[in-house]
Amino acid sequence: MLDISEIPDKKYLTIGEVSKYSGIAPHTLRYWEENFNLLCPIRKNSKQRLYRKEDLYLIDEIKDLLYNKRYSIEGVKKHFAISKSAQGVAQIDGQKLLKEIYNDLQQILKLLKRSRA
């Protein structure tokens, strides 16, 4: 698991730093970048990869799925696809709920206006 206390308080980390903190070799990180669309480090003019702390958490999750839970590359892809679709469903349900609340509030407002008249 990732030890958060070791990670410096910086906005971006180089691939070498990420490799050091995650325990994953740079060539493996580049391979994962090609295979997992969620892992997208920022590239500056120098073409150097710059990772955010959020990327470290994702790398740690991929590492856990591959090495501890013994998922295949395809299994990890499916895992993230299912997680992403579940988040989308939750977002849709949330939007539906907000619309219902809005409509209920509109009806309450109409009732209040009628009671004043």
PDB file of N, CA and C in Angstrom:
ATOM      1  N   MET A   1       0.831  -1.192   0.000  1.00  0.00           N
ATOM      2  CA  MET A   1       0.000   0.000   0.000  1.00  0.00           C
ATOM      3  C   MET A   1       0.868   1.245   0.000  1.00  0.00           C
ATOM      4  N   LEU A   2       0.295   2.293  -0.489  1.00  0.00           N
ATOM      5  CA  LEU A   2       0.977   3.568  -0.612  1.00  0.00           C
ATOM      6  C   LEU A   2       1.072   4.254   0.748  1.00  0.00           C
ATOM      7  N   ASP A   3       2.272   4.689   1.091  1.00  0.00           N
ATOM      8  CA  ASP A   3       2.473   5.405   2.345  1.00  0.00           C
ATOM      9  C   ASP A   3       2.402   6.905   2.045  1.00  0.00           C
ATOM     10  N   ILE A   4       1.282   7.510   2.405  1.00  0.00           N
ATOM     11  CA  ILE A   4       1.023   8.913   2.089  1.00  0.00           C
ATOM     12  C   ILE A   4       2.035   9.837   2.739  1.00  0.00           C
ATOM     13  N   SER A   5       2.543   9.478   3.906  1.00  0.00           N
ATOM     14  CA  SER A   5       3.475  10.351   4.624  1.00  0.00           C
ATOM     15  C   SER A   5       4.795  10.516   3.871  1.00  0.00           C
ATOM     16  N   GLU A   6       5.147   9.580   3.001  1.00  0.00           N
ATOM     17  CA  GLU A   6       6.392   9.666   2.242  1.00  0.00           C
ATOM     18  C   GLU A   6       6.293  10.616   1.057  1.00  0.00           C
ATOM     19  N   ILE A   7       5.096  10.857   0.559  1.00  0.00           N
ATOM     20  CA  ILE A   7       4.919  11.650  -0.652  1.00  0.00           C
ATOM     21  C   ILE A   7       5.123  13.130  -0.337  1.00  0.00           C
ATOM     22  N   PRO A   8       6.009  13.802  -1.078  1.00  0.00           N
ATOM     23  CA  PRO A   8       6.233  15.228  -0.820  1.00  0.00           C
ATOM     24  C   PRO A   8       5.004  16.054  -1.208  1.00  0.00           C
ATOM     25  N   ASP A   9       4.873  17.199  -0.593  1.00  0.00           N
ATOM     26  CA  ASP A   9       3.737  18.080  -0.860  1.00  0.00           C
ATOM     27  C   ASP A   9       4.052  18.939  -2.081  1.00  0.00           C
ATOM     28  N   LYS A  10       3.987  18.296  -3.245  1.00  0.00           N
ATOM     29  CA  LYS A  10       4.251  18.958  -4.519  1.00  0.00           C
ATOM     30  C   LYS A  10       3.051  18.767  -5.425  1.00  0.00           C
ATOM     31  N   LYS A  11       2.865  19.695  -6.356  1.00  0.00           N
ATOM     32  CA  LYS A  11       1.747  19.581  -7.284  1.00  0.00           C
ATOM     33  C   LYS A  11       1.972  18.441  -8.283  1.00  0.00           C
ATOM     34  N   TYR A  12       3.202  18.322  -8.767  1.00  0.00           N
ATOM     35  CA  TYR A  12       3.528  17.296  -9.752  1.00  0.00           C
ATOM     36  C   TYR A  12       4.739  16.486  -9.319  1.00  0.00           C
ATOM     37  N   LEU A  13       4.752  15.215  -9.731  1.00  0.00           N
ATOM     38  CA  LEU A  13       5.859  14.314  -9.442  1.00  0.00           C
ATOM     39  C   LEU A  13       6.382  13.746 -10.757  1.00  0.00           C
ATOM     40  N   THR A  14       7.688  13.555 -10.858  1.00  0.00           N
ATOM     41  CA  THR A  14       8.274  12.967 -12.053  1.00  0.00           C
ATOM     42  C   THR A  14       8.046  11.463 -12.041  1.00  0.00           C
ATOM     43  N   ILE A  15       8.308  10.825 -13.174  1.00  0.00           N
ATOM     44  CA  ILE A  15       8.127   9.378 -13.257  1.00  0.00           C
ATOM     45  C   ILE A  15       9.090   8.663 -12.306  1.00  0.00           C
ATOM     46  N   GLY A  16      10.273   9.230 -12.106  1.00  0.00           N
ATOM     47  CA  GLY A  16      11.226   8.644 -11.163  1.00  0.00           C
ATOM     48  C   GLY A  16      10.715   8.684  -9.734  1.00  0.00           C
ATOM     49  N   GLU A  17      10.115   9.820  -9.356  1.00  0.00           N
ATOM     50  CA  GLU A  17       9.554   9.941  -8.006  1.00  0.00           C
ATOM     51  C   GLU A  17       8.379   8.991  -7.821  1.00  0.00           C
ATOM     52  N   VAL A  18       7.520   8.913  -8.827  1.00  0.00           N
ATOM     53  CA  VAL A  18       6.362   8.018  -8.754  1.00  0.00           C
ATOM     54  C   VAL A  18       6.832   6.570  -8.636  1.00  0.00           C
ATOM     55  N   SER A  19       7.863   6.243  -9.396  1.00  0.00           N
ATOM     56  CA  SER A  19       8.434   4.904  -9.329  1.00  0.00           C
ATOM     57  C   SER A  19       8.949   4.601  -7.921  1.00  0.00           C
ATOM     58  N   LYS A  20       9.617   5.569  -7.333  1.00  0.00           N
ATOM     59  CA  LYS A  20      10.171   5.403  -5.982  1.00  0.00           C
ATOM     60  C   LYS A  20       9.062   5.180  -4.952  1.00  0.00           C
ATOM     61  N   TYR A  21       8.013   5.999  -4.995  1.00  0.00           N
ATOM     62  CA  TYR A  21       6.957   5.926  -3.980  1.00  0.00           C
ATOM     63  C   TYR A  21       6.004   4.753  -4.199  1.00  0.00           C
ATOM     64  N   SER A  22       5.799   4.374  -5.460  1.00  0.00           N
ATOM     65  CA  SER A  22       4.852   3.294  -5.744  1.00  0.00           C
ATOM     66  C   SER A  22       5.513   1.927  -5.776  1.00  0.00           C
ATOM     67  N   GLY A  23       6.832   1.905  -6.012  1.00  0.00           N
ATOM     68  CA  GLY A  23       7.526   0.630  -6.138  1.00  0.00           C
ATOM     69  C   GLY A  23       7.338  -0.002  -7.503  1.00  0.00           C
ATOM     70  N   ILE A  24       6.887   0.770  -8.473  1.00  0.00           N
ATOM     71  CA  ILE A  24       6.664   0.287  -9.835  1.00  0.00           C
ATOM     72  C   ILE A  24       7.732   0.898 -10.738  1.00  0.00           C
ATOM     73  N   ALA A  25       8.384   0.084 -11.542  1.00  0.00           N
ATOM     74  CA  ALA A  25       9.442   0.550 -12.434  1.00  0.00           C
ATOM     75  C   ALA A  25       8.897   1.525 -13.477  1.00  0.00           C
ATOM     76  N   PRO A  26       9.711   2.491 -13.904  1.00  0.00           N
ATOM     77  CA  PRO A  26       9.250   3.463 -14.907  1.00  0.00           C
ATOM     78  C   PRO A  26       8.732   2.824 -16.187  1.00  0.00           C
ATOM     79  N   HIS A  27       9.396   1.768 -16.675  1.00  0.00           N
ATOM     80  CA  HIS A  27       8.917   1.142 -17.914  1.00  0.00           C
ATOM     81  C   HIS A  27       7.540   0.510 -17.713  1.00  0.00           C
ATOM     82  N   THR A  28       7.261   0.027 -16.520  1.00  0.00           N
ATOM     83  CA  THR A  28       5.946  -0.544 -16.220  1.00  0.00           C
ATOM     84  C   THR A  28       4.896   0.563 -16.163  1.00  0.00           C
ATOM     85  N   LEU A  29       5.262   1.703 -15.577  1.00  0.00           N
ATOM     86  CA  LEU A  29       4.336   2.839 -15.539  1.00  0.00           C
ATOM     87  C   LEU A  29       3.991   3.298 -16.952  1.00  0.00           C
ATOM     88  N   ARG A  30       4.978   3.336 -17.843  1.00  0.00           N
ATOM     89  CA  ARG A  30       4.707   3.727 -19.232  1.00  0.00           C
ATOM     90  C   ARG A  30       3.794   2.705 -19.905  1.00  0.00           C
ATOM     91  N   TYR A  31       4.007   1.420 -19.612  1.00  0.00           N
ATOM     92  CA  TYR A  31       3.164   0.369 -20.172  1.00  0.00           C
ATOM     93  C   TYR A  31       1.723   0.521 -19.677  1.00  0.00           C
ATOM     94  N   TRP A  32       1.579   0.767 -18.376  1.00  0.00           N
ATOM     95  CA  TRP A  32       0.237   0.954 -17.819  1.00  0.00           C
ATOM     96  C   TRP A  32      -0.441   2.171 -18.435  1.00  0.00           C
ATOM     97  N   GLU A  33       0.326   3.197 -18.685  1.00  0.00           N
ATOM     98  CA  GLU A  33      -0.213   4.415 -19.299  1.00  0.00           C
ATOM     99  C   GLU A  33      -0.828   4.091 -20.660  1.00  0.00           C
ATOM    100  N   GLU A  34      -0.182   3.199 -21.410  1.00  0.00           N
ATOM    101  CA  GLU A  34      -0.699   2.795 -22.717  1.00  0.00           C
ATOM    102  C   GLU A  34      -1.958   1.942 -22.593  1.00  0.00           C
ATOM    103  N   ASN A  35      -2.040   1.142 -21.533  1.00  0.00           N
ATOM    104  CA  ASN A  35      -3.127   0.173 -21.402  1.00  0.00           C
ATOM    105  C   ASN A  35      -4.325   0.643 -20.590  1.00  0.00           C
ATOM    106  N   PHE A  36      -4.117   1.571 -19.685  1.00  0.00           N
ATOM    107  CA  PHE A  36      -5.215   2.049 -18.842  1.00  0.00           C
ATOM    108  C   PHE A  36      -5.456   3.524 -19.143  1.00  0.00           C
ATOM    109  N   ASN A  37      -6.576   3.799 -19.778  1.00  0.00           N
ATOM    110  CA  ASN A  37      -6.878   5.165 -20.214  1.00  0.00           C
ATOM    111  C   ASN A  37      -7.001   6.152 -19.063  1.00  0.00           C
ATOM    112  N   LEU A  38      -7.254   5.666 -17.870  1.00  0.00           N
ATOM    113  CA  LEU A  38      -7.411   6.559 -16.726  1.00  0.00           C
ATOM    114  C   LEU A  38      -6.085   7.151 -16.277  1.00  0.00           C
ATOM    115  N   LEU A  39      -4.993   6.472 -16.589  1.00  0.00           N
ATOM    116  CA  LEU A  39      -3.664   6.929 -16.175  1.00  0.00           C
ATOM    117  C   LEU A  39      -3.077   7.806 -17.278  1.00  0.00           C
ATOM    118  N   CYS A  40      -3.171   9.127 -17.086  1.00  0.00           N
ATOM    119  CA  CYS A  40      -2.734  10.080 -18.106  1.00  0.00           C
ATOM    120  C   CYS A  40      -1.906  11.189 -17.468  1.00  0.00           C
ATOM    121  N   PRO A  41      -0.600  10.979 -17.317  1.00  0.00           N
ATOM    122  CA  PRO A  41       0.213  12.051 -16.746  1.00  0.00           C
ATOM    123  C   PRO A  41       0.279  13.243 -17.700  1.00  0.00           C
ATOM    124  N   ILE A  42       0.522  14.391 -17.136  1.00  0.00           N
ATOM    125  CA  ILE A  42       0.647  15.615 -17.917  1.00  0.00           C
ATOM    126  C   ILE A  42       2.025  15.618 -18.558  1.00  0.00           C
ATOM    127  N   ARG A  43       2.116  16.149 -19.763  1.00  0.00           N
ATOM    128  CA  ARG A  43       3.416  16.258 -20.434  1.00  0.00           C
ATOM    129  C   ARG A  43       3.696  17.717 -20.726  1.00  0.00           C
ATOM    130  N   LYS A  44       4.829  18.161 -20.283  1.00  0.00           N
ATOM    131  CA  LYS A  44       5.264  19.538 -20.533  1.00  0.00           C
ATOM    132  C   LYS A  44       6.024  19.582 -21.851  1.00  0.00           C
ATOM    133  N   ASN A  45       6.522  20.759 -22.212  1.00  0.00           N
ATOM    134  CA  ASN A  45       7.269  20.935 -23.463  1.00  0.00           C
ATOM    135  C   ASN A  45       8.464  19.993 -23.561  1.00  0.00           C
ATOM    136  N   SER A  46       9.039  19.643 -22.439  1.00  0.00           N
ATOM    137  CA  SER A  46      10.205  18.755 -22.432  1.00  0.00           C
ATOM    138  C   SER A  46       9.813  17.295 -22.639  1.00  0.00           C
ATOM    139  N   LYS A  47       8.520  17.014 -22.798  1.00  0.00           N
ATOM    140  CA  LYS A  47       7.972  15.666 -22.965  1.00  0.00           C
ATOM    141  C   LYS A  47       8.101  14.820 -21.702  1.00  0.00           C
ATOM    142  N   GLN A  48       8.505  15.435 -20.607  1.00  0.00           N
ATOM    143  CA  GLN A  48       8.630  14.717 -19.343  1.00  0.00           C
ATOM    144  C   GLN A  48       7.237  14.479 -18.759  1.00  0.00           C
ATOM    145  N   ARG A  49       7.016  13.267 -18.273  1.00  0.00           N
ATOM    146  CA  ARG A  49       5.739  12.932 -17.654  1.00  0.00           C
ATOM    147  C   ARG A  49       5.684  13.532 -16.252  1.00  0.00           C
ATOM    148  N   LEU A  50       4.573  14.181 -15.954  1.00  0.00           N
ATOM    149  CA  LEU A  50       4.368  14.745 -14.623  1.00  0.00           C
ATOM    150  C   LEU A  50       3.067  14.178 -14.067  1.00  0.00           C
ATOM    151  N   TYR A  51       3.181  13.506 -12.952  1.00  0.00           N
ATOM    152  CA  TYR A  51       2.040  12.853 -12.314  1.00  0.00           C
ATOM    153  C   TYR A  51       1.517  13.688 -11.152  1.00  0.00           C
ATOM    154  N   ARG A  52       0.210  13.610 -10.920  1.00  0.00           N
ATOM    155  CA  ARG A  52      -0.408  14.242  -9.756  1.00  0.00           C
ATOM    156  C   ARG A  52      -0.541  13.199  -8.660  1.00  0.00           C
ATOM    157  N   LYS A  53      -0.856  13.656  -7.453  1.00  0.00           N
ATOM    158  CA  LYS A  53      -1.038  12.707  -6.345  1.00  0.00           C
ATOM    159  C   LYS A  53      -2.179  11.742  -6.635  1.00  0.00           C
ATOM    160  N   GLU A  54      -3.229  12.213  -7.320  1.00  0.00           N
ATOM    161  CA  GLU A  54      -4.353  11.345  -7.669  1.00  0.00           C
ATOM    162  C   GLU A  54      -3.888  10.181  -8.531  1.00  0.00           C
ATOM    163  N   ASP A  55      -2.893  10.458  -9.398  1.00  0.00           N
ATOM    164  CA  ASP A  55      -2.353   9.393 -10.239  1.00  0.00           C
ATOM    165  C   ASP A  55      -1.681   8.320  -9.383  1.00  0.00           C
ATOM    166  N   LEU A  56      -1.040   8.740  -8.307  1.00  0.00           N
ATOM    167  CA  LEU A  56      -0.391   7.775  -7.405  1.00  0.00           C
ATOM    168  C   LEU A  56      -1.412   6.827  -6.785  1.00  0.00           C
ATOM    169  N   TYR A  57      -2.572   7.357  -6.410  1.00  0.00           N
ATOM    170  CA  TYR A  57      -3.622   6.513  -5.837  1.00  0.00           C
ATOM    171  C   TYR A  57      -4.140   5.514  -6.874  1.00  0.00           C
ATOM    172  N   LEU A  58      -4.285   5.981  -8.109  1.00  0.00           N
ATOM    173  CA  LEU A  58      -4.727   5.100  -9.188  1.00  0.00           C
ATOM    174  C   LEU A  58      -3.676   4.014  -9.445  1.00  0.00           C
ATOM    175  N   ILE A  59      -2.408   4.397  -9.471  1.00  0.00           N
ATOM    176  CA  ILE A  59      -1.321   3.440  -9.661  1.00  0.00           C
ATOM    177  C   ILE A  59      -1.333   2.400  -8.538  1.00  0.00           C
ATOM    178  N   ASP A  60      -1.563   2.864  -7.331  1.00  0.00           N
ATOM    179  CA  ASP A  60      -1.619   1.943  -6.188  1.00  0.00           C
ATOM    180  C   ASP A  60      -2.782   0.967  -6.338  1.00  0.00           C
ATOM    181  N   GLU A  61      -3.915   1.455  -6.841  1.00  0.00           N
ATOM    182  CA  GLU A  61      -5.074   0.569  -7.040  1.00  0.00           C
ATOM    183  C   GLU A  61      -4.792  -0.452  -8.141  1.00  0.00           C
ATOM    184  N   ILE A  62      -4.175  -0.001  -9.234  1.00  0.00           N
ATOM    185  CA  ILE A  62      -3.817  -0.923 -10.319  1.00  0.00           C
ATOM    186  C   ILE A  62      -2.837  -1.972  -9.802  1.00  0.00           C
ATOM    187  N   LYS A  63      -1.851  -1.527  -9.043  1.00  0.00           N
ATOM    188  CA  LYS A  63      -0.849  -2.435  -8.468  1.00  0.00           C
ATOM    189  C   LYS A  63      -1.532  -3.491  -7.592  1.00  0.00           C
ATOM    190  N   ASP A  64      -2.477  -3.065  -6.762  1.00  0.00           N
ATOM    191  CA  ASP A  64      -3.191  -3.992  -5.884  1.00  0.00           C
ATOM    192  C   ASP A  64      -3.984  -5.019  -6.695  1.00  0.00           C
ATOM    193  N   LEU A  65      -4.671  -4.537  -7.733  1.00  0.00           N
ATOM    194  CA  LEU A  65      -5.478  -5.449  -8.548  1.00  0.00           C
ATOM    195  C   LEU A  65      -4.601  -6.468  -9.277  1.00  0.00           C
ATOM    196  N   LEU A  66      -3.471  -6.012  -9.809  1.00  0.00           N
ATOM    197  CA  LEU A  66      -2.608  -6.904 -10.579  1.00  0.00           C
ATOM    198  C   LEU A  66      -1.797  -7.858  -9.699  1.00  0.00           C
ATOM    199  N   TYR A  67      -1.177  -7.316  -8.674  1.00  0.00           N
ATOM    200  CA  TYR A  67      -0.216  -8.106  -7.902  1.00  0.00           C
ATOM    201  C   TYR A  67      -0.823  -8.830  -6.701  1.00  0.00           C
ATOM    202  N   ASN A  68      -1.778  -8.212  -6.029  1.00  0.00           N
ATOM    203  CA  ASN A  68      -2.363  -8.849  -4.846  1.00  0.00           C
ATOM    204  C   ASN A  68      -3.612  -9.662  -5.181  1.00  0.00           C
ATOM    205  N   LYS A  69      -4.489  -9.078  -5.992  1.00  0.00           N
ATOM    206  CA  LYS A  69      -5.745  -9.773  -6.316  1.00  0.00           C
ATOM    207  C   LYS A  69      -5.628 -10.623  -7.575  1.00  0.00           C
ATOM    208  N   ARG A  70      -4.468 -10.552  -8.227  1.00  0.00           N
ATOM    209  CA  ARG A  70      -4.139 -11.392  -9.387  1.00  0.00           C
ATOM    210  C   ARG A  70      -5.063 -11.193 -10.591  1.00  0.00           C
ATOM    211  N   TYR A  71      -5.502  -9.952 -10.821  1.00  0.00           N
ATOM    212  CA  TYR A  71      -6.283  -9.655 -12.007  1.00  0.00           C
ATOM    213  C   TYR A  71      -5.345  -9.675 -13.211  1.00  0.00           C
ATOM    214  N   SER A  72      -5.906  -9.987 -14.381  1.00  0.00           N
ATOM    215  CA  SER A  72      -5.166  -9.832 -15.628  1.00  0.00           C
ATOM    216  C   SER A  72      -5.294  -8.371 -16.066  1.00  0.00           C
ATOM    217  N   ILE A  73      -4.543  -7.979 -17.089  1.00  0.00           N
ATOM    218  CA  ILE A  73      -4.663  -6.620 -17.628  1.00  0.00           C
ATOM    219  C   ILE A  73      -6.102  -6.376 -18.072  1.00  0.00           C
ATOM    220  N   GLU A  74      -6.673  -7.357 -18.773  1.00  0.00           N
ATOM    221  CA  GLU A  74      -8.065  -7.224 -19.225  1.00  0.00           C
ATOM    222  C   GLU A  74      -9.028  -7.139 -18.044  1.00  0.00           C
ATOM    223  N   GLY A  75      -8.743  -7.895 -16.994  1.00  0.00           N
ATOM    224  CA  GLY A  75      -9.583  -7.853 -15.798  1.00  0.00           C
ATOM    225  C   GLY A  75      -9.559  -6.482 -15.139  1.00  0.00           C
ATOM    226  N   VAL A  76      -8.389  -5.861 -15.109  1.00  0.00           N
ATOM    227  CA  VAL A  76      -8.271  -4.514 -14.533  1.00  0.00           C
ATOM    228  C   VAL A  76      -9.046  -3.521 -15.391  1.00  0.00           C
ATOM    229  N   LYS A  77      -8.937  -3.659 -16.709  1.00  0.00           N
ATOM    230  CA  LYS A  77      -9.682  -2.767 -17.612  1.00  0.00           C
ATOM    231  C   LYS A  77     -11.181  -2.897 -17.369  1.00  0.00           C
ATOM    232  N   LYS A  78     -11.654  -4.131 -17.232  1.00  0.00           N
ATOM    233  CA  LYS A  78     -13.084  -4.358 -16.976  1.00  0.00           C
ATOM    234  C   LYS A  78     -13.488  -3.782 -15.619  1.00  0.00           C
ATOM    235  N   HIS A  79     -12.617  -3.956 -14.630  1.00  0.00           N
ATOM    236  CA  HIS A  79     -12.887  -3.415 -13.293  1.00  0.00           C
ATOM    237  C   HIS A  79     -13.121  -1.906 -13.359  1.00  0.00           C
ATOM    238  N   PHE A  80     -12.240  -1.207 -14.052  1.00  0.00           N
ATOM    239  CA  PHE A  80     -12.370   0.248 -14.149  1.00  0.00           C
ATOM    240  C   PHE A  80     -13.546   0.650 -15.036  1.00  0.00           C
ATOM    241  N   ALA A  81     -13.849  -0.153 -16.053  1.00  0.00           N
ATOM    242  CA  ALA A  81     -15.005   0.142 -16.901  1.00  0.00           C
ATOM    243  C   ALA A  81     -16.290   0.019 -16.099  1.00  0.00           C
ATOM    244  N   ILE A  82     -16.386  -1.014 -15.262  1.00  0.00           N
ATOM    245  CA  ILE A  82     -17.573  -1.208 -14.419  1.00  0.00           C
ATOM    246  C   ILE A  82     -17.668  -0.088 -13.390  1.00  0.00           C
ATOM    247  N   SER A  83     -16.535   0.256 -12.774  1.00  0.00           N
ATOM    248  CA  SER A  83     -16.528   1.338 -11.778  1.00  0.00           C
ATOM    249  C   SER A  83     -16.971   2.647 -12.416  1.00  0.00           C
ATOM    250  N   LYS A  84     -16.466   2.900 -13.617  1.00  0.00           N
ATOM    251  CA  LYS A  84     -16.793   4.154 -14.308  1.00  0.00           C
ATOM    252  C   LYS A  84     -18.271   4.193 -14.675  1.00  0.00           C
ATOM    253  N   SER A  85     -18.814   3.048 -15.156  1.00  0.00           N
ATOM    254  CA  SER A  85     -20.237   3.036 -15.516  1.00  0.00           C
ATOM    255  C   SER A  85     -21.110   3.161 -14.276  1.00  0.00           C
ATOM    256  N   ALA A  86     -20.671   2.592 -13.160  1.00  0.00           N
ATOM    257  CA  ALA A  86     -21.431   2.720 -11.912  1.00  0.00           C
ATOM    258  C   ALA A  86     -21.459   4.171 -11.453  1.00  0.00           C
ATOM    259  N   GLN A  87     -20.339   4.872 -11.629  1.00  0.00           N
ATOM    260  CA  GLN A  87     -20.306   6.295 -11.281  1.00  0.00           C
ATOM    261  C   GLN A  87     -21.258   7.079 -12.168  1.00  0.00           C
ATOM    262  N   GLY A  88     -21.317   6.699 -13.453  1.00  0.00           N
ATOM    263  CA  GLY A  88     -22.229   7.371 -14.380  1.00  0.00           C
ATOM    264  C   GLY A  88     -23.674   7.156 -13.994  1.00  0.00           C
ATOM    265  N   VAL A  89     -24.016   5.941 -13.595  1.00  0.00           N
ATOM    266  CA  VAL A  89     -25.384   5.639 -13.150  1.00  0.00           C
ATOM    267  C   VAL A  89     -25.711   6.452 -11.906  1.00  0.00           C
ATOM    268  N   ALA A  90     -24.775   6.513 -10.969  1.00  0.00           N
ATOM    269  CA  ALA A  90     -25.005   7.292  -9.752  1.00  0.00           C
ATOM    270  C   ALA A  90     -25.219   8.758 -10.093  1.00  0.00           C
ATOM    271  N   GLN A  91     -24.478   9.260 -11.070  1.00  0.00           N
ATOM    272  CA  GLN A  91     -24.620  10.655 -11.463  1.00  0.00           C
ATOM    273  C   GLN A  91     -25.994  10.884 -12.098  1.00  0.00           C
ATOM    274  N   ILE A  92     -26.429   9.951 -12.951  1.00  0.00           N
ATOM    275  CA  ILE A  92     -27.744  10.069 -13.586  1.00  0.00           C
ATOM    276  C   ILE A  92     -28.832  10.024 -12.523  1.00  0.00           C
ATOM    277  N   ASP A  93     -28.734   9.077 -11.575  1.00  0.00           N
ATOM    278  CA  ASP A  93     -29.711   8.983 -10.501  1.00  0.00           C
ATOM    279  C   ASP A  93     -29.732  10.272  -9.680  1.00  0.00           C
ATOM    280  N   GLY A  94     -28.565  10.844  -9.441  1.00  0.00           N
ATOM    281  CA  GLY A  94     -28.478  12.098  -8.699  1.00  0.00           C
ATOM    282  C   GLY A  94     -29.158  13.233  -9.442  1.00  0.00           C
ATOM    283  N   GLN A  95     -28.965  13.291 -10.760  1.00  0.00           N
ATOM    284  CA  GLN A  95     -29.611  14.325 -11.563  1.00  0.00           C
ATOM    285  C   GLN A  95     -31.121  14.147 -11.554  1.00  0.00           C
ATOM    286  N   LYS A  96     -31.570  12.916 -11.634  1.00  0.00           N
ATOM    287  CA  LYS A  96     -33.010  12.625 -11.595  1.00  0.00           C
ATOM    288  C   LYS A  96     -33.593  13.060 -10.250  1.00  0.00           C
ATOM    289  N   LEU A  97     -32.882  12.759  -9.178  1.00  0.00           N
ATOM    290  CA  LEU A  97     -33.318  13.132  -7.841  1.00  0.00           C
ATOM    291  C   LEU A  97     -33.399  14.653  -7.706  1.00  0.00           C
ATOM    292  N   LEU A  98     -32.393  15.355  -8.211  1.00  0.00           N
ATOM    293  CA  LEU A  98     -32.404  16.823  -8.147  1.00  0.00           C
ATOM    294  C   LEU A  98     -33.591  17.402  -8.914  1.00  0.00           C
ATOM    295  N   LYS A  99     -33.920  16.823 -10.067  1.00  0.00           N
ATOM    296  CA  LYS A  99     -35.074  17.295 -10.835  1.00  0.00           C
ATOM    297  C   LYS A  99     -36.363  17.097 -10.044  1.00  0.00           C
ATOM    298  N   GLU A 100     -36.476  15.939  -9.397  1.00  0.00           N
ATOM    299  CA  GLU A 100     -37.673  15.671  -8.595  1.00  0.00           C
ATOM    300  C   GLU A 100     -37.778  16.649  -7.427  1.00  0.00           C
ATOM    301  N   ILE A 101     -36.669  16.914  -6.764  1.00  0.00           N
ATOM    302  CA  ILE A 101     -36.668  17.869  -5.651  1.00  0.00           C
ATOM    303  C   ILE A 101     -37.049  19.259  -6.159  1.00  0.00           C
ATOM    304  N   TYR A 102     -36.499  19.643  -7.300  1.00  0.00           N
ATOM    305  CA  TYR A 102     -36.814  20.951  -7.882  1.00  0.00           C
ATOM    306  C   TYR A 102     -38.310  21.053  -8.173  1.00  0.00           C
ATOM    307  N   ASN A 103     -38.874  20.010  -8.784  1.00  0.00           N
ATOM    308  CA  ASN A 103     -40.309  20.027  -9.103  1.00  0.00           C
ATOM    309  C   ASN A 103     -41.154  20.095  -7.829  1.00  0.00           C
ATOM    310  N   ASP A 104     -40.762  19.351  -6.797  1.00  0.00           N
ATOM    311  CA  ASP A 104     -41.483  19.401  -5.521  1.00  0.00           C
ATOM    312  C   ASP A 104     -41.434  20.800  -4.914  1.00  0.00           C
ATOM    313  N   LEU A 105     -40.265  21.425  -4.972  1.00  0.00           N
ATOM    314  CA  LEU A 105     -40.131  22.787  -4.436  1.00  0.00           C
ATOM    315  C   LEU A 105     -40.973  23.789  -5.230  1.00  0.00           C
ATOM    316  N   GLN A 106     -41.062  23.595  -6.522  1.00  0.00           N
ATOM    317  CA  GLN A 106     -41.903  24.472  -7.349  1.00  0.00           C
ATOM    318  C   GLN A 106     -43.378  24.336  -6.950  1.00  0.00           C
ATOM    319  N   GLN A 107     -43.812  23.101  -6.681  1.00  0.00           N
ATOM    320  CA  GLN A 107     -45.192  22.881  -6.268  1.00  0.00           C
ATOM    321  C   GLN A 107     -45.459  23.507  -4.897  1.00  0.00           C
ATOM    322  N   ILE A 108     -44.507  23.389  -3.982  1.00  0.00           N
ATOM    323  CA  ILE A 108     -44.650  24.011  -2.651  1.00  0.00           C
ATOM    324  C   ILE A 108     -44.736  25.516  -2.790  1.00  0.00           C
ATOM    325  N   LEU A 109     -43.915  26.083  -3.651  1.00  0.00           N
ATOM    326  CA  LEU A 109     -43.933  27.529  -3.873  1.00  0.00           C
ATOM    327  C   LEU A 109     -45.285  27.992  -4.425  1.00  0.00           C
ATOM    328  N   LYS A 110     -45.866  27.228  -5.333  1.00  0.00           N
ATOM    329  CA  LYS A 110     -47.189  27.560  -5.876  1.00  0.00           C
ATOM    330  C   LYS A 110     -48.235  27.528  -4.777  1.00  0.00           C
ATOM    331  N   LEU A 111     -48.159  26.503  -3.922  1.00  0.00           N
ATOM    332  CA  LEU A 111     -49.123  26.390  -2.824  1.00  0.00           C
ATOM    333  C   LEU A 111     -48.996  27.575  -1.853  1.00  0.00           C
ATOM    334  N   LEU A 112     -47.769  27.962  -1.569  1.00  0.00           N
ATOM    335  CA  LEU A 112     -47.543  29.108  -0.671  1.00  0.00           C
ATOM    336  C   LEU A 112     -48.087  30.399  -1.265  1.00  0.00           C
ATOM    337  N   LYS A 113     -47.900  30.576  -2.551  1.00  0.00           N
ATOM    338  CA  LYS A 113     -48.409  31.784  -3.227  1.00  0.00           C
ATOM    339  C   LYS A 113     -49.924  31.807  -3.209  1.00  0.00           C
ATOM    340  N   ARG A 114     -50.565  30.649  -3.376  1.00  0.00           N
ATOM    341  CA  ARG A 114     -52.023  30.588  -3.342  1.00  0.00           C
ATOM    342  C   ARG A 114     -52.553  30.893  -1.935  1.00  0.00           C
ATOM    343  N   SER A 115     -51.861  30.397  -0.923  1.00  0.00           N
ATOM    344  CA  SER A 115     -52.331  30.614   0.441  1.00  0.00           C
ATOM    345  C   SER A 115     -52.211  32.069   0.859  1.00  0.00           C
ATOM    346  N   ARG A 116     -51.313  32.833   0.269  1.00  0.00           N
ATOM    347  CA  ARG A 116     -51.174  34.263   0.568  1.00  0.00           C
ATOM    348  C   ARG A 116     -52.295  35.079  -0.063  1.00  0.00           C
ATOM    349  N   ALA A 117     -52.776  34.618  -1.188  1.00  0.00           N
ATOM    350  CA  ALA A 117     -53.776  35.388  -1.920  1.00  0.00           C
ATOM    351  C   ALA A 117     -55.138  35.325  -1.337  1.00  0.00           C
TER     352      ALA A 117
END
